[in-house]
Amino acid sequence: MKIDKKIIAELTGYLKEFNLSEIEYAEGTTKVKVSRSITSSSTAIAPSETKKKQEVLTLLQNLVEKNLLKLVKKLKKVKPL
């Protein structure tokens, strides 16, 4: 299996940008999970962090929807046995 370093780099960027401890992406039979340890002096989440996490969730939902649409189009082209 060839590892797509661009996806890993992009997910790593999201970890840092949105201060996440873990992020996962799947396409077809390929699944990539990137995680890191986060130490914090406070357990409370600032409103800006909540907004950033919501933005990440929205981005991921858009990716999933986009890939589902591609999959549906491919499946429509498949001829039945």
PDB file of N, CA and C in Angstrom:
ATOM      1  N   MET A   1       0.842  -1.174   0.000  1.00  0.00           N
ATOM      2  CA  MET A   1       0.000   0.000   0.000  1.00  0.00           C
ATOM      3  C   MET A   1       0.888   1.240   0.000  1.00  0.00           C
ATOM      4  N   LYS A   2       0.555   2.193  -0.824  1.00  0.00           N
ATOM      5  CA  LYS A   2       1.281   3.451  -0.882  1.00  0.00           C
ATOM      6  C   LYS A   2       0.637   4.435   0.096  1.00  0.00           C
ATOM      7  N   ILE A   3       1.461   5.064   0.903  1.00  0.00           N
ATOM      8  CA  ILE A   3       0.967   6.023   1.884  1.00  0.00           C
ATOM      9  C   ILE A   3       0.974   7.416   1.265  1.00  0.00           C
ATOM     10  N   ASP A   4      -0.165   8.068   1.299  1.00  0.00           N
ATOM     11  CA  ASP A   4      -0.295   9.419   0.749  1.00  0.00           C
ATOM     12  C   ASP A   4       0.134  10.420   1.817  1.00  0.00           C
ATOM     13  N   LYS A   5       1.364  10.908   1.688  1.00  0.00           N
ATOM     14  CA  LYS A   5       1.926  11.818   2.692  1.00  0.00           C
ATOM     15  C   LYS A   5       1.195  13.155   2.731  1.00  0.00           C
ATOM     16  N   LYS A   6       0.571  13.533   1.628  1.00  0.00           N
ATOM     17  CA  LYS A   6      -0.165  14.806   1.596  1.00  0.00           C
ATOM     18  C   LYS A   6      -1.346  14.772   2.558  1.00  0.00           C
ATOM     19  N   ILE A   7      -2.054  13.649   2.598  1.00  0.00           N
ATOM     20  CA  ILE A   7      -3.207  13.523   3.505  1.00  0.00           C
ATOM     21  C   ILE A   7      -2.737  13.592   4.947  1.00  0.00           C
ATOM     22  N   ILE A   8      -1.644  12.890   5.258  1.00  0.00           N
ATOM     23  CA  ILE A   8      -1.126  12.894   6.622  1.00  0.00           C
ATOM     24  C   ILE A   8      -0.699  14.304   7.017  1.00  0.00           C
ATOM     25  N   ALA A   9      -0.017  14.990   6.098  1.00  0.00           N
ATOM     26  CA  ALA A   9       0.423  16.361   6.384  1.00  0.00           C
ATOM     27  C   ALA A   9      -0.773  17.280   6.602  1.00  0.00           C
ATOM     28  N   GLU A  10      -1.817  17.112   5.784  1.00  0.00           N
ATOM     29  CA  GLU A  10      -3.013  17.945   5.932  1.00  0.00           C
ATOM     30  C   GLU A  10      -3.711  17.675   7.258  1.00  0.00           C
ATOM     31  N   LEU A  11      -3.845  16.404   7.619  1.00  0.00           N
ATOM     32  CA  LEU A  11      -4.483  16.057   8.891  1.00  0.00           C
ATOM     33  C   LEU A  11      -3.654  16.569  10.064  1.00  0.00           C
ATOM     34  N   THR A  12      -2.340  16.459   9.971  1.00  0.00           N
ATOM     35  CA  THR A  12      -1.455  16.974  11.016  1.00  0.00           C
ATOM     36  C   THR A  12      -1.624  18.481  11.158  1.00  0.00           C
ATOM     37  N   GLY A  13      -1.766  19.156  10.040  1.00  0.00           N
ATOM     38  CA  GLY A  13      -2.011  20.597  10.069  1.00  0.00           C
ATOM     39  C   GLY A  13      -3.304  20.937  10.788  1.00  0.00           C
ATOM     40  N   TYR A  14      -4.349  20.132  10.549  1.00  0.00           N
ATOM     41  CA  TYR A  14      -5.627  20.344  11.241  1.00  0.00           C
ATOM     42  C   TYR A  14      -5.478  20.112  12.748  1.00  0.00           C
ATOM     43  N   LEU A  15      -4.673  19.097  13.129  1.00  0.00           N
ATOM     44  CA  LEU A  15      -4.454  18.845  14.558  1.00  0.00           C
ATOM     45  C   LEU A  15      -3.898  20.090  15.233  1.00  0.00           C
ATOM     46  N   LYS A  16      -2.897  20.673  14.598  1.00  0.00           N
ATOM     47  CA  LYS A  16      -2.243  21.848  15.182  1.00  0.00           C
ATOM     48  C   LYS A  16      -3.141  23.080  15.113  1.00  0.00           C
ATOM     49  N   GLU A  17      -3.734  23.305  13.934  1.00  0.00           N
ATOM     50  CA  GLU A  17      -4.548  24.509  13.727  1.00  0.00           C
ATOM     51  C   GLU A  17      -5.739  24.575  14.667  1.00  0.00           C
ATOM     52  N   PHE A  18      -6.393  23.434  14.866  1.00  0.00           N
ATOM     53  CA  PHE A  18      -7.608  23.412  15.670  1.00  0.00           C
ATOM     54  C   PHE A  18      -7.391  22.799  17.059  1.00  0.00           C
ATOM     55  N   ASN A  19      -6.125  22.586  17.416  1.00  0.00           N
ATOM     56  CA  ASN A  19      -5.752  22.065  18.728  1.00  0.00           C
ATOM     57  C   ASN A  19      -6.506  20.775  19.064  1.00  0.00           C
ATOM     58  N   LEU A  20      -6.504  19.848  18.113  1.00  0.00           N
ATOM     59  CA  LEU A  20      -7.173  18.563  18.305  1.00  0.00           C
ATOM     60  C   LEU A  20      -6.181  17.529  18.803  1.00  0.00           C
ATOM     61  N   SER A  21      -6.672  16.503  19.459  1.00  0.00           N
ATOM     62  CA  SER A  21      -5.797  15.417  19.896  1.00  0.00           C
ATOM     63  C   SER A  21      -5.813  14.271  18.885  1.00  0.00           C
ATOM     64  N   GLU A  22      -6.852  14.216  18.050  1.00  0.00           N
ATOM     65  CA  GLU A  22      -6.973  13.102  17.110  1.00  0.00           C
ATOM     66  C   GLU A  22      -7.879  13.491  15.958  1.00  0.00           C
ATOM     67  N   ILE A  23      -7.546  12.988  14.773  1.00  0.00           N
ATOM     68  CA  ILE A  23      -8.389  13.212  13.604  1.00  0.00           C
ATOM     69  C   ILE A  23      -8.285  11.980  12.717  1.00  0.00           C
ATOM     70  N   GLU A  24      -9.372  11.651  12.041  1.00  0.00           N
ATOM     71  CA  GLU A  24      -9.428  10.446  11.218  1.00  0.00           C
ATOM     72  C   GLU A  24     -10.067  10.768   9.876  1.00  0.00           C
ATOM     73  N   TYR A  25      -9.557  10.119   8.819  1.00  0.00           N
ATOM     74  CA  TYR A  25     -10.085  10.330   7.476  1.00  0.00           C
ATOM     75  C   TYR A  25     -10.135   8.979   6.780  1.00  0.00           C
ATOM     76  N   ALA A  26     -11.221   8.712   6.086  1.00  0.00           N
ATOM     77  CA  ALA A  26     -11.359   7.448   5.366  1.00  0.00           C
ATOM     78  C   ALA A  26     -11.869   7.709   3.958  1.00  0.00           C
ATOM     79  N   GLU A  27     -11.310   6.958   3.021  1.00  0.00           N
ATOM     80  CA  GLU A  27     -11.758   7.023   1.635  1.00  0.00           C
ATOM     81  C   GLU A  27     -11.629   5.627   1.049  1.00  0.00           C
ATOM     82  N   GLY A  28     -12.755   5.065   0.675  1.00  0.00           N
ATOM     83  CA  GLY A  28     -12.734   3.697   0.167  1.00  0.00           C
ATOM     84  C   GLY A  28     -12.289   2.737   1.258  1.00  0.00           C
ATOM     85  N   THR A  29     -11.289   1.927   0.953  1.00  0.00           N
ATOM     86  CA  THR A  29     -10.774   0.969   1.936  1.00  0.00           C
ATOM     87  C   THR A  29      -9.602   1.532   2.727  1.00  0.00           C
ATOM     88  N   THR A  30      -9.235   2.762   2.435  1.00  0.00           N
ATOM     89  CA  THR A  30      -8.112   3.391   3.123  1.00  0.00           C
ATOM     90  C   THR A  30      -8.613   4.253   4.275  1.00  0.00           C
ATOM     91  N   LYS A  31      -7.981   4.083   5.423  1.00  0.00           N
ATOM     92  CA  LYS A  31      -8.363   4.838   6.605  1.00  0.00           C
ATOM     93  C   LYS A  31      -7.083   5.370   7.261  1.00  0.00           C
ATOM     94  N   VAL A  32      -7.059   6.671   7.530  1.00  0.00           N
ATOM     95  CA  VAL A  32      -5.889   7.296   8.136  1.00  0.00           C
ATOM     96  C   VAL A  32      -6.313   7.960   9.435  1.00  0.00           C
ATOM     97  N   LYS A  33      -5.574   7.681  10.498  1.00  0.00           N
ATOM     98  CA  LYS A  33      -5.854   8.271  11.800  1.00  0.00           C
ATOM     99  C   LYS A  33      -4.557   8.888  12.315  1.00  0.00           C
ATOM    100  N   VAL A  34      -4.627  10.163  12.660  1.00  0.00           N
ATOM    101  CA  VAL A  34      -3.461  10.887  13.163  1.00  0.00           C
ATOM    102  C   VAL A  34      -3.820  11.392  14.558  1.00  0.00           C
ATOM    103  N   SER A  35      -2.922  11.186  15.509  1.00  0.00           N
ATOM    104  CA  SER A  35      -3.206  11.651  16.867  1.00  0.00           C
ATOM    105  C   SER A  35      -1.940  12.213  17.498  1.00  0.00           C
ATOM    106  N   ARG A  36      -2.158  12.962  18.564  1.00  0.00           N
ATOM    107  CA  ARG A  36      -1.040  13.525  19.315  1.00  0.00           C
ATOM    108  C   ARG A  36      -1.488  13.724  20.752  1.00  0.00           C
ATOM    109  N   SER A  37      -0.530  13.882  21.624  1.00  0.00           N
ATOM    110  CA  SER A  37      -0.814  14.114  23.028  1.00  0.00           C
ATOM    111  C   SER A  37      -0.875  15.615  23.270  1.00  0.00           C
ATOM    112  N   ILE A  38      -1.918  16.044  23.958  1.00  0.00           N
ATOM    113  CA  ILE A  38      -2.087  17.457  24.263  1.00  0.00           C
ATOM    114  C   ILE A  38      -2.073  17.624  25.773  1.00  0.00           C
ATOM    115  N   THR A  39      -1.207  18.502  26.239  1.00  0.00           N
ATOM    116  CA  THR A  39      -1.209  18.816  27.660  1.00  0.00           C
ATOM    117  C   THR A  39      -1.786  20.207  27.829  1.00  0.00           C
ATOM    118  N   SER A  40      -2.616  20.356  28.832  1.00  0.00           N
ATOM    119  CA  SER A  40      -3.282  21.635  29.049  1.00  0.00           C
ATOM    120  C   SER A  40      -3.292  21.955  30.533  1.00  0.00           C
ATOM    121  N   SER A  41      -3.101  23.216  30.840  1.00  0.00           N
ATOM    122  CA  SER A  41      -3.149  23.630  32.242  1.00  0.00           C
ATOM    123  C   SER A  41      -4.586  23.846  32.703  1.00  0.00           C
ATOM    124  N   SER A  42      -5.507  23.935  31.740  1.00  0.00           N
ATOM    125  CA  SER A  42      -6.907  24.161  32.071  1.00  0.00           C
ATOM    126  C   SER A  42      -7.771  23.159  31.320  1.00  0.00           C
ATOM    127  N   THR A  43      -8.807  22.671  31.982  1.00  0.00           N
ATOM    128  CA  THR A  43      -9.692  21.720  31.322  1.00  0.00           C
ATOM    129  C   THR A  43     -10.839  22.411  30.606  1.00  0.00           C
ATOM    130  N   ALA A  44     -11.040  23.686  30.869  1.00  0.00           N
ATOM    131  CA  ALA A  44     -12.125  24.423  30.218  1.00  0.00           C
ATOM    132  C   ALA A  44     -11.738  24.733  28.776  1.00  0.00           C
ATOM    133  N   ILE A  45     -12.722  24.665  27.889  1.00  0.00           N
ATOM    134  CA  ILE A  45     -12.498  24.972  26.478  1.00  0.00           C
ATOM    135  C   ILE A  45     -12.971  26.389  26.214  1.00  0.00           C
ATOM    136  N   ALA A  46     -12.062  27.172  25.657  1.00  0.00           N
ATOM    137  CA  ALA A  46     -12.398  28.557  25.336  1.00  0.00           C
ATOM    138  C   ALA A  46     -13.398  28.582  24.195  1.00  0.00           C
ATOM    139  N   PRO A  47     -14.254  29.599  24.127  1.00  0.00           N
ATOM    140  CA  PRO A  47     -15.224  29.692  23.025  1.00  0.00           C
ATOM    141  C   PRO A  47     -14.561  29.647  21.652  1.00  0.00           C
ATOM    142  N   SER A  48     -13.378  30.229  21.515  1.00  0.00           N
ATOM    143  CA  SER A  48     -12.690  30.200  20.220  1.00  0.00           C
ATOM    144  C   SER A  48     -12.306  28.775  19.843  1.00  0.00           C
ATOM    145  N   GLU A  49     -11.950  27.953  20.840  1.00  0.00           N
ATOM    146  CA  GLU A  49     -11.613  26.552  20.572  1.00  0.00           C
ATOM    147  C   GLU A  49     -12.848  25.779  20.124  1.00  0.00           C
ATOM    148  N   THR A  50     -13.976  26.064  20.744  1.00  0.00           N
ATOM    149  CA  THR A  50     -15.219  25.411  20.357  1.00  0.00           C
ATOM    150  C   THR A  50     -15.561  25.759  18.910  1.00  0.00           C
ATOM    151  N   LYS A  51     -15.376  27.013  18.552  1.00  0.00           N
ATOM    152  CA  LYS A  51     -15.649  27.443  17.188  1.00  0.00           C
ATOM    153  C   LYS A  51     -14.711  26.743  16.210  1.00  0.00           C
ATOM    154  N   LYS A  52     -13.438  26.631  16.570  1.00  0.00           N
ATOM    155  CA  LYS A  52     -12.465  25.960  15.702  1.00  0.00           C
ATOM    156  C   LYS A  52     -12.838  24.492  15.516  1.00  0.00           C
ATOM    157  N   LYS A  53     -13.235  23.839  16.589  1.00  0.00           N
ATOM    158  CA  LYS A  53     -13.616  22.431  16.491  1.00  0.00           C
ATOM    159  C   LYS A  53     -14.859  22.267  15.617  1.00  0.00           C
ATOM    160  N   GLN A  54     -15.787  23.192  15.713  1.00  0.00           N
ATOM    161  CA  GLN A  54     -16.975  23.135  14.867  1.00  0.00           C
ATOM    162  C   GLN A  54     -16.590  23.313  13.406  1.00  0.00           C
ATOM    163  N   GLU A  55     -15.624  24.194  13.133  1.00  0.00           N
ATOM    164  CA  GLU A  55     -15.154  24.392  11.761  1.00  0.00           C
ATOM    165  C   GLU A  55     -14.524  23.117  11.217  1.00  0.00           C
ATOM    166  N   VAL A  56     -13.764  22.419  12.050  1.00  0.00           N
ATOM    167  CA  VAL A  56     -13.149  21.151  11.627  1.00  0.00           C
ATOM    168  C   VAL A  56     -14.228  20.133  11.312  1.00  0.00           C
ATOM    169  N   LEU A  57     -15.222  20.037  12.184  1.00  0.00           N
ATOM    170  CA  LEU A  57     -16.310  19.092  11.946  1.00  0.00           C
ATOM    171  C   LEU A  57     -17.028  19.395  10.635  1.00  0.00           C
ATOM    172  N   THR A  58     -17.242  20.674  10.354  1.00  0.00           N
ATOM    173  CA  THR A  58     -17.889  21.073   9.108  1.00  0.00           C
ATOM    174  C   THR A  58     -17.029  20.680   7.915  1.00  0.00           C
ATOM    175  N   LEU A  59     -15.719  20.919   8.001  1.00  0.00           N
ATOM    176  CA  LEU A  59     -14.810  20.526   6.920  1.00  0.00           C
ATOM    177  C   LEU A  59     -14.856  19.019   6.681  1.00  0.00           C
ATOM    178  N   LEU A  60     -14.814  18.256   7.759  1.00  0.00           N
ATOM    179  CA  LEU A  60     -14.850  16.799   7.632  1.00  0.00           C
ATOM    180  C   LEU A  60     -16.179  16.317   7.062  1.00  0.00           C
ATOM    181  N   GLN A  61     -17.276  16.926   7.486  1.00  0.00           N
ATOM    182  CA  GLN A  61     -18.580  16.547   6.940  1.00  0.00           C
ATOM    183  C   GLN A  61     -18.630  16.818   5.440  1.00  0.00           C
ATOM    184  N   ASN A  62     -18.072  17.949   5.026  1.00  0.00           N
ATOM    185  CA  ASN A  62     -18.037  18.271   3.598  1.00  0.00           C
ATOM    186  C   ASN A  62     -17.209  17.263   2.822  1.00  0.00           C
ATOM    187  N   LEU A  63     -16.068  16.828   3.394  1.00  0.00           N
ATOM    188  CA  LEU A  63     -15.241  15.817   2.749  1.00  0.00           C
ATOM    189  C   LEU A  63     -15.998  14.502   2.591  1.00  0.00           C
ATOM    190  N   VAL A  64     -16.688  14.107   3.649  1.00  0.00           N
ATOM    191  CA  VAL A  64     -17.445  12.855   3.617  1.00  0.00           C
ATOM    192  C   VAL A  64     -18.549  12.931   2.565  1.00  0.00           C
ATOM    193  N   GLU A  65     -19.290  14.022   2.550  1.00  0.00           N
ATOM    194  CA  GLU A  65     -20.373  14.179   1.577  1.00  0.00           C
ATOM    195  C   GLU A  65     -19.831  14.152   0.155  1.00  0.00           C
ATOM    196  N   LYS A  66     -18.720  14.827  -0.071  1.00  0.00           N
ATOM    197  CA  LYS A  66     -18.108  14.864  -1.399  1.00  0.00           C
ATOM    198  C   LYS A  66     -17.714  13.452  -1.843  1.00  0.00           C
ATOM    199  N   ASN A  67     -17.095  12.692  -0.933  1.00  0.00           N
ATOM    200  CA  ASN A  67     -16.669  11.340  -1.278  1.00  0.00           C
ATOM    201  C   ASN A  67     -17.851  10.400  -1.463  1.00  0.00           C
ATOM    202  N   LEU A  68     -18.915  10.606  -0.698  1.00  0.00           N
ATOM    203  CA  LEU A  68     -20.111   9.780  -0.876  1.00  0.00           C
ATOM    204  C   LEU A  68     -20.741  10.029  -2.245  1.00  0.00           C
ATOM    205  N   LEU A  69     -20.763  11.280  -2.669  1.00  0.00           N
ATOM    206  CA  LEU A  69     -21.309  11.594  -3.987  1.00  0.00           C
ATOM    207  C   LEU A  69     -20.498  10.925  -5.083  1.00  0.00           C
ATOM    208  N   LYS A  70     -19.178  10.944  -4.955  1.00  0.00           N
ATOM    209  CA  LYS A  70     -18.307  10.281  -5.937  1.00  0.00           C
ATOM    210  C   LYS A  70     -18.592   8.782  -5.968  1.00  0.00           C
ATOM    211  N   LEU A  71     -18.741   8.189  -4.790  1.00  0.00           N
ATOM    212  CA  LEU A  71     -19.002   6.757  -4.699  1.00  0.00           C
ATOM    213  C   LEU A  71     -20.335   6.398  -5.337  1.00  0.00           C
ATOM    214  N   VAL A  72     -21.367   7.183  -5.085  1.00  0.00           N
ATOM    215  CA  VAL A  72     -22.681   6.935  -5.669  1.00  0.00           C
ATOM    216  C   VAL A  72     -22.603   7.007  -7.188  1.00  0.00           C
ATOM    217  N   LYS A  73     -21.893   7.984  -7.714  1.00  0.00           N
ATOM    218  CA  LYS A  73     -21.742   8.106  -9.166  1.00  0.00           C
ATOM    219  C   LYS A  73     -21.046   6.889  -9.751  1.00  0.00           C
ATOM    220  N   LYS A  74     -19.997   6.408  -9.060  1.00  0.00           N
ATOM    221  CA  LYS A  74     -19.280   5.223  -9.530  1.00  0.00           C
ATOM    222  C   LYS A  74     -20.178   3.999  -9.485  1.00  0.00           C
ATOM    223  N   LEU A  75     -20.962   3.869  -8.416  1.00  0.00           N
ATOM    224  CA  LEU A  75     -21.837   2.710  -8.287  1.00  0.00           C
ATOM    225  C   LEU A  75     -22.921   2.699  -9.358  1.00  0.00           C
ATOM    226  N   LYS A  76     -23.380   3.863  -9.763  1.00  0.00           N
ATOM    227  CA  LYS A  76     -24.399   3.937 -10.806  1.00  0.00           C
ATOM    228  C   LYS A  76     -23.859   3.443 -12.142  1.00  0.00           C
ATOM    229  N   LYS A  77     -22.546   3.553 -12.340  1.00  0.00           N
ATOM    230  CA  LYS A  77     -21.920   3.122 -13.592  1.00  0.00           C
ATOM    231  C   LYS A  77     -21.657   1.631 -13.625  1.00  0.00           C
ATOM    232  N   VAL A  78     -21.691   0.976 -12.473  1.00  0.00           N
ATOM    233  CA  VAL A  78     -21.411  -0.463 -12.388  1.00  0.00           C
ATOM    234  C   VAL A  78     -22.596  -1.238 -12.946  1.00  0.00           C
ATOM    235  N   LYS A  79     -22.290  -2.173 -13.845  1.00  0.00           N
ATOM    236  CA  LYS A  79     -23.339  -2.993 -14.431  1.00  0.00           C
ATOM    237  C   LYS A  79     -23.606  -4.193 -13.522  1.00  0.00           C
ATOM    238  N   PRO A  80     -24.881  -4.534 -13.323  1.00  0.00           N
ATOM    239  CA  PRO A  80     -25.214  -5.690 -12.485  1.00  0.00           C
ATOM    240  C   PRO A  80     -24.748  -6.991 -13.138  1.00  0.00           C
ATOM    241  N   LEU A  81     -24.523  -8.011 -12.324  1.00  0.00           N
ATOM    242  CA  LEU A  81     -24.081  -9.316 -12.838  1.00  0.00           C
ATOM    243  C   LEU A  81     -25.138  -9.993 -13.653  1.00  0.00           C
TER     244      LEU A  81
END
